[in-house]
Amino acid sequence: MEIADKVNTAKGPTVICVPMRGWGATDTRVPNKDLGWAGPTEGPTWISDPDKPEWSLRSRRFVEGLKERLDLSKPNIEVLVVDRHMNEPEFADLMSGILLDMLEGRWKKGDRSNQPGIQSLG
C-alpha cells in the first residue's frame, strides 16, 4: 500500500479520513440524488460490508490495509473512520475543519474522535 509508505515518512500533521458509506456518486447503497446517484438501485460500484451492510466493503478493506502498514504510534499520523459518504457536506466540513486546525497550528491527534460517527485509529 504505497499511500501508507508515504504517510509513514510525513513530518507534519497527517490525517486520512475514510468515508465508510461510499467513495463517490456510483458508490452508494441506495439511490440518493444529493450524493450523485439517482438509481433506480444501488450504485454500480457499491459492495456492502457483510458485517455492517450500510458501510462499503471497499472502505473497510482500505482501513484494514492502513492499519497493517501505517505507524499509528506516531503523534502526527491519524486515520479517522467516518460514518459518512464522501459526497456528504458533513464529510467536507470535517476535512476542511481539520485542514484549518492544521494551518493554524491547533491540530491534535484524537481531537475529532469524540464526535458522533468518527473513530480515530491512532
PDB file of N, CA and C in Angstrom:
ATOM      1  N   MET A   1       0.846  -1.172   0.000  1.00  0.00           N
ATOM      2  CA  MET A   1       0.000   0.000   0.000  1.00  0.00           C
ATOM      3  C   MET A   1       0.890   1.233   0.000  1.00  0.00           C
ATOM      4  N   GLU A   2       1.122   1.761  -1.171  1.00  0.00           N
ATOM      5  CA  GLU A   2       2.050   2.873  -1.355  1.00  0.00           C
ATOM      6  C   GLU A   2       1.682   4.104  -0.531  1.00  0.00           C
ATOM      7  N   ILE A   3       0.395   4.388  -0.393  1.00  0.00           N
ATOM      8  CA  ILE A   3      -0.024   5.564   0.371  1.00  0.00           C
ATOM      9  C   ILE A   3       0.468   5.466   1.818  1.00  0.00           C
ATOM     10  N   ALA A   4       0.392   4.303   2.412  1.00  0.00           N
ATOM     11  CA  ALA A   4       0.841   4.127   3.795  1.00  0.00           C
ATOM     12  C   ALA A   4       2.347   4.354   3.907  1.00  0.00           C
ATOM     13  N   ASP A   5       3.102   3.865   2.947  1.00  0.00           N
ATOM     14  CA  ASP A   5       4.544   4.063   2.972  1.00  0.00           C
ATOM     15  C   ASP A   5       4.888   5.547   2.916  1.00  0.00           C
ATOM     16  N   LYS A   6       4.177   6.305   2.099  1.00  0.00           N
ATOM     17  CA  LYS A   6       4.418   7.754   2.001  1.00  0.00           C
ATOM     18  C   LYS A   6       3.996   8.461   3.283  1.00  0.00           C
ATOM     19  N   VAL A   7       2.851   8.107   3.817  1.00  0.00           N
ATOM     20  CA  VAL A   7       2.362   8.754   5.036  1.00  0.00           C
ATOM     21  C   VAL A   7       3.323   8.498   6.199  1.00  0.00           C
ATOM     22  N   ASN A   8       3.886   7.313   6.275  1.00  0.00           N
ATOM     23  CA  ASN A   8       4.817   6.999   7.362  1.00  0.00           C
ATOM     24  C   ASN A   8       6.037   7.907   7.390  1.00  0.00           C
ATOM     25  N   THR A   9       6.373   8.532   6.270  1.00  0.00           N
ATOM     26  CA  THR A   9       7.534   9.432   6.220  1.00  0.00           C
ATOM     27  C   THR A   9       7.161  10.881   6.510  1.00  0.00           C
ATOM     28  N   ALA A  10       5.877  11.166   6.690  1.00  0.00           N
ATOM     29  CA  ALA A  10       5.423  12.545   6.915  1.00  0.00           C
ATOM     30  C   ALA A  10       6.012  13.115   8.195  1.00  0.00           C
ATOM     31  N   LYS A  11       6.392  14.371   8.140  1.00  0.00           N
ATOM     32  CA  LYS A  11       6.922  15.069   9.317  1.00  0.00           C
ATOM     33  C   LYS A  11       5.851  15.933   9.976  1.00  0.00           C
ATOM     34  N   GLY A  12       4.910  16.439   9.185  1.00  0.00           N
ATOM     35  CA  GLY A  12       3.862  17.297   9.719  1.00  0.00           C
ATOM     36  C   GLY A  12       2.603  16.516  10.015  1.00  0.00           C
ATOM     37  N   PRO A  13       1.571  17.206  10.509  1.00  0.00           N
ATOM     38  CA  PRO A  13       0.314  16.532  10.816  1.00  0.00           C
ATOM     39  C   PRO A  13      -0.302  15.901   9.562  1.00  0.00           C
ATOM     40  N   THR A  14      -0.724  14.665   9.695  1.00  0.00           N
ATOM     41  CA  THR A  14      -1.257  13.913   8.561  1.00  0.00           C
ATOM     42  C   THR A  14      -2.476  13.120   9.013  1.00  0.00           C
ATOM     43  N   VAL A  15      -3.606  13.381   8.371  1.00  0.00           N
ATOM     44  CA  VAL A  15      -4.846  12.701   8.721  1.00  0.00           C
ATOM     45  C   VAL A  15      -5.451  12.112   7.456  1.00  0.00           C
ATOM     46  N   ILE A  16      -5.821  10.844   7.514  1.00  0.00           N
ATOM     47  CA  ILE A  16      -6.559  10.200   6.430  1.00  0.00           C
ATOM     48  C   ILE A  16      -7.978   9.982   6.935  1.00  0.00           C
ATOM     49  N   CYS A  17      -8.941  10.591   6.250  1.00  0.00           N
ATOM     50  CA  CYS A  17     -10.354  10.428   6.585  1.00  0.00           C
ATOM     51  C   CYS A  17     -10.953   9.421   5.617  1.00  0.00           C
ATOM     52  N   VAL A  18     -11.523   8.357   6.131  1.00  0.00           N
ATOM     53  CA  VAL A  18     -12.079   7.302   5.289  1.00  0.00           C
ATOM     54  C   VAL A  18     -13.607   7.357   5.373  1.00  0.00           C
ATOM     55  N   PRO A  19     -14.270   7.659   4.241  1.00  0.00           N
ATOM     56  CA  PRO A  19     -15.741   7.700   4.225  1.00  0.00           C
ATOM     57  C   PRO A  19     -16.307   6.291   4.128  1.00  0.00           C
ATOM     58  N   MET A  20     -16.868   5.802   5.201  1.00  0.00           N
ATOM     59  CA  MET A  20     -17.294   4.408   5.254  1.00  0.00           C
ATOM     60  C   MET A  20     -18.583   4.114   4.478  1.00  0.00           C
ATOM     61  N   ARG A  21     -19.340   5.130   4.112  1.00  0.00           N
ATOM     62  CA  ARG A  21     -20.604   4.914   3.396  1.00  0.00           C
ATOM     63  C   ARG A  21     -20.488   5.112   1.892  1.00  0.00           C
ATOM     64  N   GLY A  22     -19.269   5.250   1.381  1.00  0.00           N
ATOM     65  CA  GLY A  22     -19.080   5.328  -0.061  1.00  0.00           C
ATOM     66  C   GLY A  22     -18.084   6.381  -0.482  1.00  0.00           C
ATOM     67  N   TRP A  23     -17.473   6.125  -1.653  1.00  0.00           N
ATOM     68  CA  TRP A  23     -16.361   6.940  -2.155  1.00  0.00           C
ATOM     69  C   TRP A  23     -16.738   7.857  -3.305  1.00  0.00           C
ATOM     70  N   GLY A  24     -17.917   7.751  -3.842  1.00  0.00           N
ATOM     71  CA  GLY A  24     -18.292   8.604  -4.961  1.00  0.00           C
ATOM     72  C   GLY A  24     -19.736   8.379  -5.334  1.00  0.00           C
ATOM     73  N   ALA A  25     -20.183   9.099  -6.369  1.00  0.00           N
ATOM     74  CA  ALA A  25     -21.599   9.073  -6.761  1.00  0.00           C
ATOM     75  C   ALA A  25     -22.104   7.666  -7.051  1.00  0.00           C
ATOM     76  N   THR A  26     -21.308   6.837  -7.676  1.00  0.00           N
ATOM     77  CA  THR A  26     -21.775   5.493  -8.025  1.00  0.00           C
ATOM     78  C   THR A  26     -21.531   4.472  -6.923  1.00  0.00           C
ATOM     79  N   ASP A  27     -20.973   4.917  -5.827  1.00  0.00           N
ATOM     80  CA  ASP A  27     -20.676   4.032  -4.699  1.00  0.00           C
ATOM     81  C   ASP A  27     -21.638   4.354  -3.556  1.00  0.00           C
ATOM     82  N   THR A  28     -22.921   4.081  -3.791  1.00  0.00           N
ATOM     83  CA  THR A  28     -23.948   4.349  -2.796  1.00  0.00           C
ATOM     84  C   THR A  28     -24.817   3.120  -2.595  1.00  0.00           C
ATOM     85  N   ARG A  29     -25.224   2.910  -1.363  1.00  0.00           N
ATOM     86  CA  ARG A  29     -26.038   1.739  -1.005  1.00  0.00           C
ATOM     87  C   ARG A  29     -27.454   1.852  -1.547  1.00  0.00           C
ATOM     88  N   VAL A  30     -27.991   3.065  -1.515  1.00  0.00           N
ATOM     89  CA  VAL A  30     -29.344   3.325  -2.019  1.00  0.00           C
ATOM     90  C   VAL A  30     -29.286   4.565  -2.909  1.00  0.00           C
ATOM     91  N   PRO A  31     -30.208   4.687  -3.855  1.00  0.00           N
ATOM     92  CA  PRO A  31     -30.225   5.896  -4.688  1.00  0.00           C
ATOM     93  C   PRO A  31     -30.352   7.155  -3.830  1.00  0.00           C
ATOM     94  N   ASN A  32     -29.580   8.152  -4.188  1.00  0.00           N
ATOM     95  CA  ASN A  32     -29.614   9.418  -3.457  1.00  0.00           C
ATOM     96  C   ASN A  32     -29.114  10.509  -4.400  1.00  0.00           C
ATOM     97  N   LYS A  33     -30.026  11.313  -4.923  1.00  0.00           N
ATOM     98  CA  LYS A  33     -29.653  12.356  -5.879  1.00  0.00           C
ATOM     99  C   LYS A  33     -28.685  13.358  -5.275  1.00  0.00           C
ATOM    100  N   ASP A  34     -28.812  13.627  -3.975  1.00  0.00           N
ATOM    101  CA  ASP A  34     -27.904  14.575  -3.332  1.00  0.00           C
ATOM    102  C   ASP A  34     -26.456  14.080  -3.332  1.00  0.00           C
ATOM    103  N   LEU A  35     -26.285  12.768  -3.352  1.00  0.00           N
ATOM    104  CA  LEU A  35     -24.935  12.197  -3.389  1.00  0.00           C
ATOM    105  C   LEU A  35     -24.467  11.936  -4.816  1.00  0.00           C
ATOM    106  N   GLY A  36     -25.373  12.107  -5.777  1.00  0.00           N
ATOM    107  CA  GLY A  36     -24.985  11.985  -7.176  1.00  0.00           C
ATOM    108  C   GLY A  36     -25.472  10.744  -7.889  1.00  0.00           C
ATOM    109  N   TRP A  37     -26.280   9.917  -7.214  1.00  0.00           N
ATOM    110  CA  TRP A  37     -26.763   8.689  -7.858  1.00  0.00           C
ATOM    111  C   TRP A  37     -28.279   8.618  -7.747  1.00  0.00           C
ATOM    112  N   ALA A  38     -28.966   8.636  -8.912  1.00  0.00           N
ATOM    113  CA  ALA A  38     -30.438   8.644  -8.931  1.00  0.00           C
ATOM    114  C   ALA A  38     -31.040   7.250  -8.946  1.00  0.00           C
ATOM    115  N   GLY A  39     -30.235   6.249  -9.171  1.00  0.00           N
ATOM    116  CA  GLY A  39     -30.765   4.891  -9.098  1.00  0.00           C
ATOM    117  C   GLY A  39     -31.170   4.325 -10.434  1.00  0.00           C
ATOM    118  N   PRO A  40     -32.026   3.375 -10.477  1.00  0.00           N
ATOM    119  CA  PRO A  40     -33.072   3.041  -9.521  1.00  0.00           C
ATOM    120  C   PRO A  40     -32.628   2.096  -8.393  1.00  0.00           C
ATOM    121  N   THR A  41     -31.428   1.557  -8.459  1.00  0.00           N
ATOM    122  CA  THR A  41     -30.946   0.636  -7.417  1.00  0.00           C
ATOM    123  C   THR A  41     -29.648   1.195  -6.840  1.00  0.00           C
ATOM    124  N   GLU A  42     -28.963   0.397  -6.047  1.00  0.00           N
ATOM    125  CA  GLU A  42     -27.660   0.800  -5.514  1.00  0.00           C
ATOM    126  C   GLU A  42     -26.727   1.201  -6.647  1.00  0.00           C
ATOM    127  N   GLY A  43     -25.716   1.972  -6.313  1.00  0.00           N
ATOM    128  CA  GLY A  43     -24.734   2.381  -7.315  1.00  0.00           C
ATOM    129  C   GLY A  43     -23.999   1.178  -7.890  1.00  0.00           C
ATOM    130  N   PRO A  44     -23.558   1.272  -9.140  1.00  0.00           N
ATOM    131  CA  PRO A  44     -22.928   0.122  -9.798  1.00  0.00           C
ATOM    132  C   PRO A  44     -21.602  -0.308  -9.190  1.00  0.00           C
ATOM    133  N   THR A  45     -20.966   0.524  -8.399  1.00  0.00           N
ATOM    134  CA  THR A  45     -19.703   0.117  -7.781  1.00  0.00           C
ATOM    135  C   THR A  45     -19.858  -0.239  -6.309  1.00  0.00           C
ATOM    136  N   TRP A  46     -21.095  -0.225  -5.794  1.00  0.00           N
ATOM    137  CA  TRP A  46     -21.335  -0.494  -4.382  1.00  0.00           C
ATOM    138  C   TRP A  46     -21.178  -1.970  -4.051  1.00  0.00           C
ATOM    139  N   ILE A  47     -20.416  -2.255  -2.982  1.00  0.00           N
ATOM    140  CA  ILE A  47     -20.313  -3.597  -2.404  1.00  0.00           C
ATOM    141  C   ILE A  47     -20.444  -3.423  -0.892  1.00  0.00           C
ATOM    142  N   SER A  48     -21.494  -3.991  -0.316  1.00  0.00           N
ATOM    143  CA  SER A  48     -21.727  -3.854   1.128  1.00  0.00           C
ATOM    144  C   SER A  48     -20.737  -4.665   1.943  1.00  0.00           C
ATOM    145  N   ASP A  49     -20.367  -4.115   3.077  1.00  0.00           N
ATOM    146  CA  ASP A  49     -19.574  -4.839   4.067  1.00  0.00           C
ATOM    147  C   ASP A  49     -20.520  -5.856   4.708  1.00  0.00           C
ATOM    148  N   PRO A  50     -20.212  -7.145   4.656  1.00  0.00           N
ATOM    149  CA  PRO A  50     -21.114  -8.146   5.230  1.00  0.00           C
ATOM    150  C   PRO A  50     -21.365  -7.960   6.725  1.00  0.00           C
ATOM    151  N   ASP A  51     -20.390  -7.404   7.443  1.00  0.00           N
ATOM    152  CA  ASP A  51     -20.540  -7.207   8.883  1.00  0.00           C
ATOM    153  C   ASP A  51     -21.313  -5.939   9.230  1.00  0.00           C
ATOM    154  N   LYS A  52     -21.329  -4.986   8.330  1.00  0.00           N
ATOM    155  CA  LYS A  52     -22.023  -3.715   8.557  1.00  0.00           C
ATOM    156  C   LYS A  52     -22.531  -3.242   7.193  1.00  0.00           C
ATOM    157  N   PRO A  53     -23.701  -3.718   6.754  1.00  0.00           N
ATOM    158  CA  PRO A  53     -24.177  -3.504   5.384  1.00  0.00           C
ATOM    159  C   PRO A  53     -24.316  -2.052   4.934  1.00  0.00           C
ATOM    160  N   GLU A  54     -24.444  -1.127   5.870  1.00  0.00           N
ATOM    161  CA  GLU A  54     -24.546   0.276   5.466  1.00  0.00           C
ATOM    162  C   GLU A  54     -23.180   0.868   5.114  1.00  0.00           C
ATOM    163  N   TRP A  55     -22.115   0.125   5.391  1.00  0.00           N
ATOM    164  CA  TRP A  55     -20.764   0.558   5.057  1.00  0.00           C
ATOM    165  C   TRP A  55     -20.255  -0.163   3.816  1.00  0.00           C
ATOM    166  N   SER A  56     -19.321   0.467   3.159  1.00  0.00           N
ATOM    167  CA  SER A  56     -18.698  -0.072   1.957  1.00  0.00           C
ATOM    168  C   SER A  56     -17.613  -1.090   2.324  1.00  0.00           C
ATOM    169  N   LEU A  57     -17.648  -2.224   1.673  1.00  0.00           N
ATOM    170  CA  LEU A  57     -16.600  -3.221   1.876  1.00  0.00           C
ATOM    171  C   LEU A  57     -15.254  -2.649   1.434  1.00  0.00           C
ATOM    172  N   ARG A  58     -15.270  -1.866   0.377  1.00  0.00           N
ATOM    173  CA  ARG A  58     -14.049  -1.236  -0.128  1.00  0.00           C
ATOM    174  C   ARG A  58     -13.422  -0.350   0.967  1.00  0.00           C
ATOM    175  N   SER A  59     -14.256   0.405   1.677  1.00  0.00           N
ATOM    176  CA  SER A  59     -13.756   1.273   2.753  1.00  0.00           C
ATOM    177  C   SER A  59     -13.164   0.448   3.887  1.00  0.00           C
ATOM    178  N   ARG A  60     -13.867  -0.614   4.276  1.00  0.00           N
ATOM    179  CA  ARG A  60     -13.353  -1.456   5.357  1.00  0.00           C
ATOM    180  C   ARG A  60     -12.004  -2.064   4.996  1.00  0.00           C
ATOM    181  N   ARG A  61     -11.885  -2.556   3.788  1.00  0.00           N
ATOM    182  CA  ARG A  61     -10.611  -3.164   3.358  1.00  0.00           C
ATOM    183  C   ARG A  61      -9.488  -2.123   3.311  1.00  0.00           C
ATOM    184  N   PHE A  62      -9.827  -0.898   2.891  1.00  0.00           N
ATOM    185  CA  PHE A  62      -8.839   0.180   2.867  1.00  0.00           C
ATOM    186  C   PHE A  62      -8.336   0.456   4.289  1.00  0.00           C
ATOM    187  N   VAL A  63      -9.258   0.533   5.234  1.00  0.00           N
ATOM    188  CA  VAL A  63      -8.892   0.768   6.635  1.00  0.00           C
ATOM    189  C   VAL A  63      -8.025  -0.379   7.158  1.00  0.00           C
ATOM    190  N   GLU A  64      -8.389  -1.607   6.836  1.00  0.00           N
ATOM    191  CA  GLU A  64      -7.585  -2.757   7.266  1.00  0.00           C
ATOM    192  C   GLU A  64      -6.161  -2.668   6.731  1.00  0.00           C
ATOM    193  N   GLY A  65      -6.031  -2.283   5.459  1.00  0.00           N
ATOM    194  CA  GLY A  65      -4.703  -2.130   4.869  1.00  0.00           C
ATOM    195  C   GLY A  65      -3.896  -1.033   5.542  1.00  0.00           C
ATOM    196  N   LEU A  66      -4.550   0.081   5.858  1.00  0.00           N
ATOM    197  CA  LEU A  66      -3.858   1.166   6.552  1.00  0.00           C
ATOM    198  C   LEU A  66      -3.391   0.718   7.931  1.00  0.00           C
ATOM    199  N   LYS A  67      -4.239  -0.009   8.655  1.00  0.00           N
ATOM    200  CA  LYS A  67      -3.877  -0.479   9.995  1.00  0.00           C
ATOM    201  C   LYS A  67      -2.648  -1.386   9.947  1.00  0.00           C
ATOM    202  N   GLU A  68      -2.538  -2.166   8.893  1.00  0.00           N
ATOM    203  CA  GLU A  68      -1.399  -3.081   8.762  1.00  0.00           C
ATOM    204  C   GLU A  68      -0.095  -2.349   8.471  1.00  0.00           C
ATOM    205  N   ARG A  69      -0.172  -1.249   7.726  1.00  0.00           N
ATOM    206  CA  ARG A  69       1.047  -0.617   7.219  1.00  0.00           C
ATOM    207  C   ARG A  69       1.434   0.703   7.872  1.00  0.00           C
ATOM    208  N   LEU A  70       0.455   1.434   8.408  1.00  0.00           N
ATOM    209  CA  LEU A  70       0.778   2.740   8.986  1.00  0.00           C
ATOM    210  C   LEU A  70       1.377   2.610  10.379  1.00  0.00           C
ATOM    211  N   ASP A  71       2.273   3.516  10.684  1.00  0.00           N
ATOM    212  CA  ASP A  71       2.813   3.599  12.038  1.00  0.00           C
ATOM    213  C   ASP A  71       1.927   4.558  12.819  1.00  0.00           C
ATOM    214  N   LEU A  72       0.836   4.032  13.365  1.00  0.00           N
ATOM    215  CA  LEU A  72      -0.133   4.860  14.079  1.00  0.00           C
ATOM    216  C   LEU A  72       0.338   5.273  15.470  1.00  0.00           C
ATOM    217  N   SER A  73       1.531   4.821  15.859  1.00  0.00           N
ATOM    218  CA  SER A  73       2.089   5.273  17.133  1.00  0.00           C
ATOM    219  C   SER A  73       2.700   6.666  17.005  1.00  0.00           C
ATOM    220  N   LYS A  74       2.935   7.108  15.786  1.00  0.00           N
ATOM    221  CA  LYS A  74       3.485   8.445  15.567  1.00  0.00           C
ATOM    222  C   LYS A  74       2.452   9.497  15.962  1.00  0.00           C
ATOM    223  N   PRO A  75       2.877  10.555  16.640  1.00  0.00           N
ATOM    224  CA  PRO A  75       1.925  11.573  17.096  1.00  0.00           C
ATOM    225  C   PRO A  75       1.349  12.436  15.978  1.00  0.00           C
ATOM    226  N   ASN A  76       1.924  12.369  14.785  1.00  0.00           N
ATOM    227  CA  ASN A  76       1.456  13.210  13.684  1.00  0.00           C
ATOM    228  C   ASN A  76       0.615  12.463  12.657  1.00  0.00           C
ATOM    229  N   ILE A  77       0.352  11.173  12.879  1.00  0.00           N
ATOM    230  CA  ILE A  77      -0.408  10.375  11.908  1.00  0.00           C
ATOM    231  C   ILE A  77      -1.679   9.856  12.550  1.00  0.00           C
ATOM    232  N   GLU A  78      -2.788  10.094  11.845  1.00  0.00           N
ATOM    233  CA  GLU A  78      -4.084   9.640  12.354  1.00  0.00           C
ATOM    234  C   GLU A  78      -4.955   9.181  11.186  1.00  0.00           C
ATOM    235  N   VAL A  79      -5.735   8.153  11.433  1.00  0.00           N
ATOM    236  CA  VAL A  79      -6.761   7.696  10.486  1.00  0.00           C
ATOM    237  C   VAL A  79      -8.105   7.873  11.184  1.00  0.00           C
ATOM    238  N   LEU A  80      -9.014   8.551  10.487  1.00  0.00           N
ATOM    239  CA  LEU A  80     -10.363   8.722  11.008  1.00  0.00           C
ATOM    240  C   LEU A  80     -11.337   7.906  10.173  1.00  0.00           C
ATOM    241  N   VAL A  81     -12.040   7.002  10.822  1.00  0.00           N
ATOM    242  CA  VAL A  81     -13.100   6.212  10.199  1.00  0.00           C
ATOM    243  C   VAL A  81     -14.379   7.032  10.389  1.00  0.00           C
ATOM    244  N   VAL A  82     -14.962   7.458   9.260  1.00  0.00           N
ATOM    245  CA  VAL A  82     -16.074   8.407   9.312  1.00  0.00           C
ATOM    246  C   VAL A  82     -17.333   7.752   8.766  1.00  0.00           C
ATOM    247  N   ASP A  83     -18.380   7.751   9.560  1.00  0.00           N
ATOM    248  CA  ASP A  83     -19.660   7.141   9.180  1.00  0.00           C
ATOM    249  C   ASP A  83     -20.448   8.107   8.281  1.00  0.00           C
ATOM    250  N   ARG A  84     -19.858   8.418   7.152  1.00  0.00           N
ATOM    251  CA  ARG A  84     -20.437   9.331   6.159  1.00  0.00           C
ATOM    252  C   ARG A  84     -20.054   8.876   4.765  1.00  0.00           C
ATOM    253  N   HIS A  85     -20.759   9.407   3.788  1.00  0.00           N
ATOM    254  CA  HIS A  85     -20.414   9.227   2.379  1.00  0.00           C
ATOM    255  C   HIS A  85     -19.509  10.390   1.976  1.00  0.00           C
ATOM    256  N   MET A  86     -18.606  10.147   1.061  1.00  0.00           N
ATOM    257  CA  MET A  86     -17.655  11.163   0.634  1.00  0.00           C
ATOM    258  C   MET A  86     -18.346  12.428   0.104  1.00  0.00           C
ATOM    259  N   ASN A  87     -19.516  12.288  -0.502  1.00  0.00           N
ATOM    260  CA  ASN A  87     -20.200  13.431  -1.105  1.00  0.00           C
ATOM    261  C   ASN A  87     -21.117  14.177  -0.142  1.00  0.00           C
ATOM    262  N   GLU A  88     -21.154  13.773   1.115  1.00  0.00           N
ATOM    263  CA  GLU A  88     -21.988  14.482   2.085  1.00  0.00           C
ATOM    264  C   GLU A  88     -21.277  15.754   2.557  1.00  0.00           C
ATOM    265  N   PRO A  89     -22.020  16.836   2.709  1.00  0.00           N
ATOM    266  CA  PRO A  89     -21.406  18.093   3.169  1.00  0.00           C
ATOM    267  C   PRO A  89     -20.695  17.947   4.517  1.00  0.00           C
ATOM    268  N   GLU A  90     -21.204  17.087   5.381  1.00  0.00           N
ATOM    269  CA  GLU A  90     -20.577  16.902   6.695  1.00  0.00           C
ATOM    270  C   GLU A  90     -19.166  16.318   6.579  1.00  0.00           C
ATOM    271  N   PHE A  91     -18.949  15.489   5.560  1.00  0.00           N
ATOM    272  CA  PHE A  91     -17.614  14.923   5.347  1.00  0.00           C
ATOM    273  C   PHE A  91     -16.656  16.030   4.902  1.00  0.00           C
ATOM    274  N   ALA A  92     -17.119  16.876   3.988  1.00  0.00           N
ATOM    275  CA  ALA A  92     -16.299  18.005   3.539  1.00  0.00           C
ATOM    276  C   ALA A  92     -16.023  18.970   4.691  1.00  0.00           C
ATOM    277  N   ASP A  93     -17.037  19.220   5.533  1.00  0.00           N
ATOM    278  CA  ASP A  93     -16.856  20.104   6.685  1.00  0.00           C
ATOM    279  C   ASP A  93     -15.804  19.549   7.637  1.00  0.00           C
ATOM    280  N   LEU A  94     -15.839  18.242   7.863  1.00  0.00           N
ATOM    281  CA  LEU A  94     -14.851  17.603   8.734  1.00  0.00           C
ATOM    282  C   LEU A  94     -13.439  17.818   8.183  1.00  0.00           C
ATOM    283  N   MET A  95     -13.266  17.504   6.908  1.00  0.00           N
ATOM    284  CA  MET A  95     -11.932  17.614   6.316  1.00  0.00           C
ATOM    285  C   MET A  95     -11.442  19.060   6.277  1.00  0.00           C
ATOM    286  N   SER A  96     -12.320  20.004   5.947  1.00  0.00           N
ATOM    287  CA  SER A  96     -11.884  21.406   5.907  1.00  0.00           C
ATOM    288  C   SER A  96     -11.578  21.918   7.317  1.00  0.00           C
ATOM    289  N   GLY A  97     -12.322  21.446   8.318  1.00  0.00           N
ATOM    290  CA  GLY A  97     -12.035  21.830   9.697  1.00  0.00           C
ATOM    291  C   GLY A  97     -10.684  21.314  10.162  1.00  0.00           C
ATOM    292  N   ILE A  98     -10.363  20.095   9.782  1.00  0.00           N
ATOM    293  CA  ILE A  98      -9.057  19.518  10.131  1.00  0.00           C
ATOM    294  C   ILE A  98      -7.939  20.323   9.468  1.00  0.00           C
ATOM    295  N   LEU A  99      -8.122  20.641   8.193  1.00  0.00           N
ATOM    296  CA  LEU A  99      -7.111  21.419   7.475  1.00  0.00           C
ATOM    297  C   LEU A  99      -6.921  22.785   8.135  1.00  0.00           C
ATOM    298  N   LEU A 100      -8.003  23.446   8.491  1.00  0.00           N
ATOM    299  CA  LEU A 100      -7.905  24.740   9.150  1.00  0.00           C
ATOM    300  C   LEU A 100      -7.154  24.623  10.478  1.00  0.00           C
ATOM    301  N   ASP A 101      -7.474  23.595  11.259  1.00  0.00           N
ATOM    302  CA  ASP A 101      -6.749  23.366  12.516  1.00  0.00           C
ATOM    303  C   ASP A 101      -5.254  23.176  12.264  1.00  0.00           C
ATOM    304  N   MET A 102      -4.916  22.423  11.223  1.00  0.00           N
ATOM    305  CA  MET A 102      -3.509  22.200  10.897  1.00  0.00           C
ATOM    306  C   MET A 102      -2.818  23.508  10.508  1.00  0.00           C
ATOM    307  N   LEU A 103      -3.464  24.287   9.641  1.00  0.00           N
ATOM    308  CA  LEU A 103      -2.869  25.540   9.173  1.00  0.00           C
ATOM    309  C   LEU A 103      -2.692  26.546  10.299  1.00  0.00           C
ATOM    310  N   GLU A 104      -3.565  26.491  11.299  1.00  0.00           N
ATOM    311  CA  GLU A 104      -3.486  27.420  12.418  1.00  0.00           C
ATOM    312  C   GLU A 104      -2.700  26.849  13.601  1.00  0.00           C
ATOM    313  N   GLY A 105      -2.128  25.655  13.418  1.00  0.00           N
ATOM    314  CA  GLY A 105      -1.296  25.054  14.455  1.00  0.00           C
ATOM    315  C   GLY A 105      -2.060  24.505  15.639  1.00  0.00           C
ATOM    316  N   ARG A 106      -3.355  24.240  15.476  1.00  0.00           N
ATOM    317  CA  ARG A 106      -4.187  23.751  16.580  1.00  0.00           C
ATOM    318  C   ARG A 106      -4.472  22.258  16.515  1.00  0.00           C
ATOM    319  N   TRP A 107      -4.081  21.586  15.433  1.00  0.00           N
ATOM    320  CA  TRP A 107      -4.439  20.177  15.273  1.00  0.00           C
ATOM    321  C   TRP A 107      -3.751  19.331  16.335  1.00  0.00           C
ATOM    322  N   LYS A 108      -4.531  18.448  16.938  1.00  0.00           N
ATOM    323  CA  LYS A 108      -4.002  17.460  17.878  1.00  0.00           C
ATOM    324  C   LYS A 108      -4.641  16.125  17.555  1.00  0.00           C
ATOM    325  N   LYS A 109      -3.838  15.121  17.523  1.00  0.00           N
ATOM    326  CA  LYS A 109      -4.315  13.771  17.262  1.00  0.00           C
ATOM    327  C   LYS A 109      -5.392  13.394  18.280  1.00  0.00           C
ATOM    328  N   GLY A 110      -6.512  12.880  17.777  1.00  0.00           N
ATOM    329  CA  GLY A 110      -7.591  12.439  18.654  1.00  0.00           C
ATOM    330  C   GLY A 110      -8.653  13.488  18.933  1.00  0.00           C
ATOM    331  N   ASP A 111      -8.413  14.744  18.518  1.00  0.00           N
ATOM    332  CA  ASP A 111      -9.376  15.818  18.801  1.00  0.00           C
ATOM    333  C   ASP A 111     -10.762  15.555  18.219  1.00  0.00           C
ATOM    334  N   ARG A 112     -10.837  14.886  17.095  1.00  0.00           N
ATOM    335  CA  ARG A 112     -12.128  14.689  16.427  1.00  0.00           C
ATOM    336  C   ARG A 112     -12.810  13.386  16.815  1.00  0.00           C
ATOM    337  N   SER A 113     -12.133  12.527  17.523  1.00  0.00           N
ATOM    338  CA  SER A 113     -12.694  11.201  17.807  1.00  0.00           C
ATOM    339  C   SER A 113     -13.835  11.229  18.816  1.00  0.00           C
ATOM    340  N   ASN A 114     -14.084  12.379  19.433  1.00  0.00           N
ATOM    341  CA  ASN A 114     -15.207  12.470  20.361  1.00  0.00           C
ATOM    342  C   ASN A 114     -16.495  12.886  19.663  1.00  0.00           C
ATOM    343  N   GLN A 115     -16.434  13.113  18.356  1.00  0.00           N
ATOM    344  CA  GLN A 115     -17.621  13.492  17.593  1.00  0.00           C
ATOM    345  C   GLN A 115     -18.388  12.239  17.166  1.00  0.00           C
ATOM    346  N   PRO A 116     -19.717  12.325  17.134  1.00  0.00           N
ATOM    347  CA  PRO A 116     -20.513  11.163  16.713  1.00  0.00           C
ATOM    348  C   PRO A 116     -20.150  10.726  15.285  1.00  0.00           C
ATOM    349  N   GLY A 117     -20.036   9.417  15.097  1.00  0.00           N
ATOM    350  CA  GLY A 117     -19.766   8.867  13.771  1.00  0.00           C
ATOM    351  C   GLY A 117     -18.315   8.941  13.332  1.00  0.00           C
ATOM    352  N   ILE A 118     -17.424   9.298  14.247  1.00  0.00           N
ATOM    353  CA  ILE A 118     -15.995   9.379  13.915  1.00  0.00           C
ATOM    354  C   ILE A 118     -15.207   8.553  14.909  1.00  0.00           C
ATOM    355  N   GLN A 119     -14.347   7.694  14.370  1.00  0.00           N
ATOM    356  CA  GLN A 119     -13.484   6.867  15.219  1.00  0.00           C
ATOM    357  C   GLN A 119     -12.039   7.077  14.780  1.00  0.00           C
ATOM    358  N   SER A 120     -11.168   7.363  15.720  1.00  0.00           N
ATOM    359  CA  SER A 120      -9.753   7.500  15.428  1.00  0.00           C
ATOM    360  C   SER A 120      -9.071   6.153  15.595  1.00  0.00           C
ATOM    361  N   LEU A 121      -8.241   5.802  14.632  1.00  0.00           N
ATOM    362  CA  LEU A 121      -7.499   4.543  14.718  1.00  0.00           C
ATOM    363  C   LEU A 121      -6.137   4.713  15.352  1.00  0.00           C
ATOM    364  N   GLY A 122      -5.785   5.891  15.692  1.00  0.00           N
ATOM    365  CA  GLY A 122      -4.479   6.009  16.290  1.00  0.00           C
ATOM    366  C   GLY A 122      -4.174   7.395  16.633  1.00  0.00           C
TER     367      GLY A 122
END
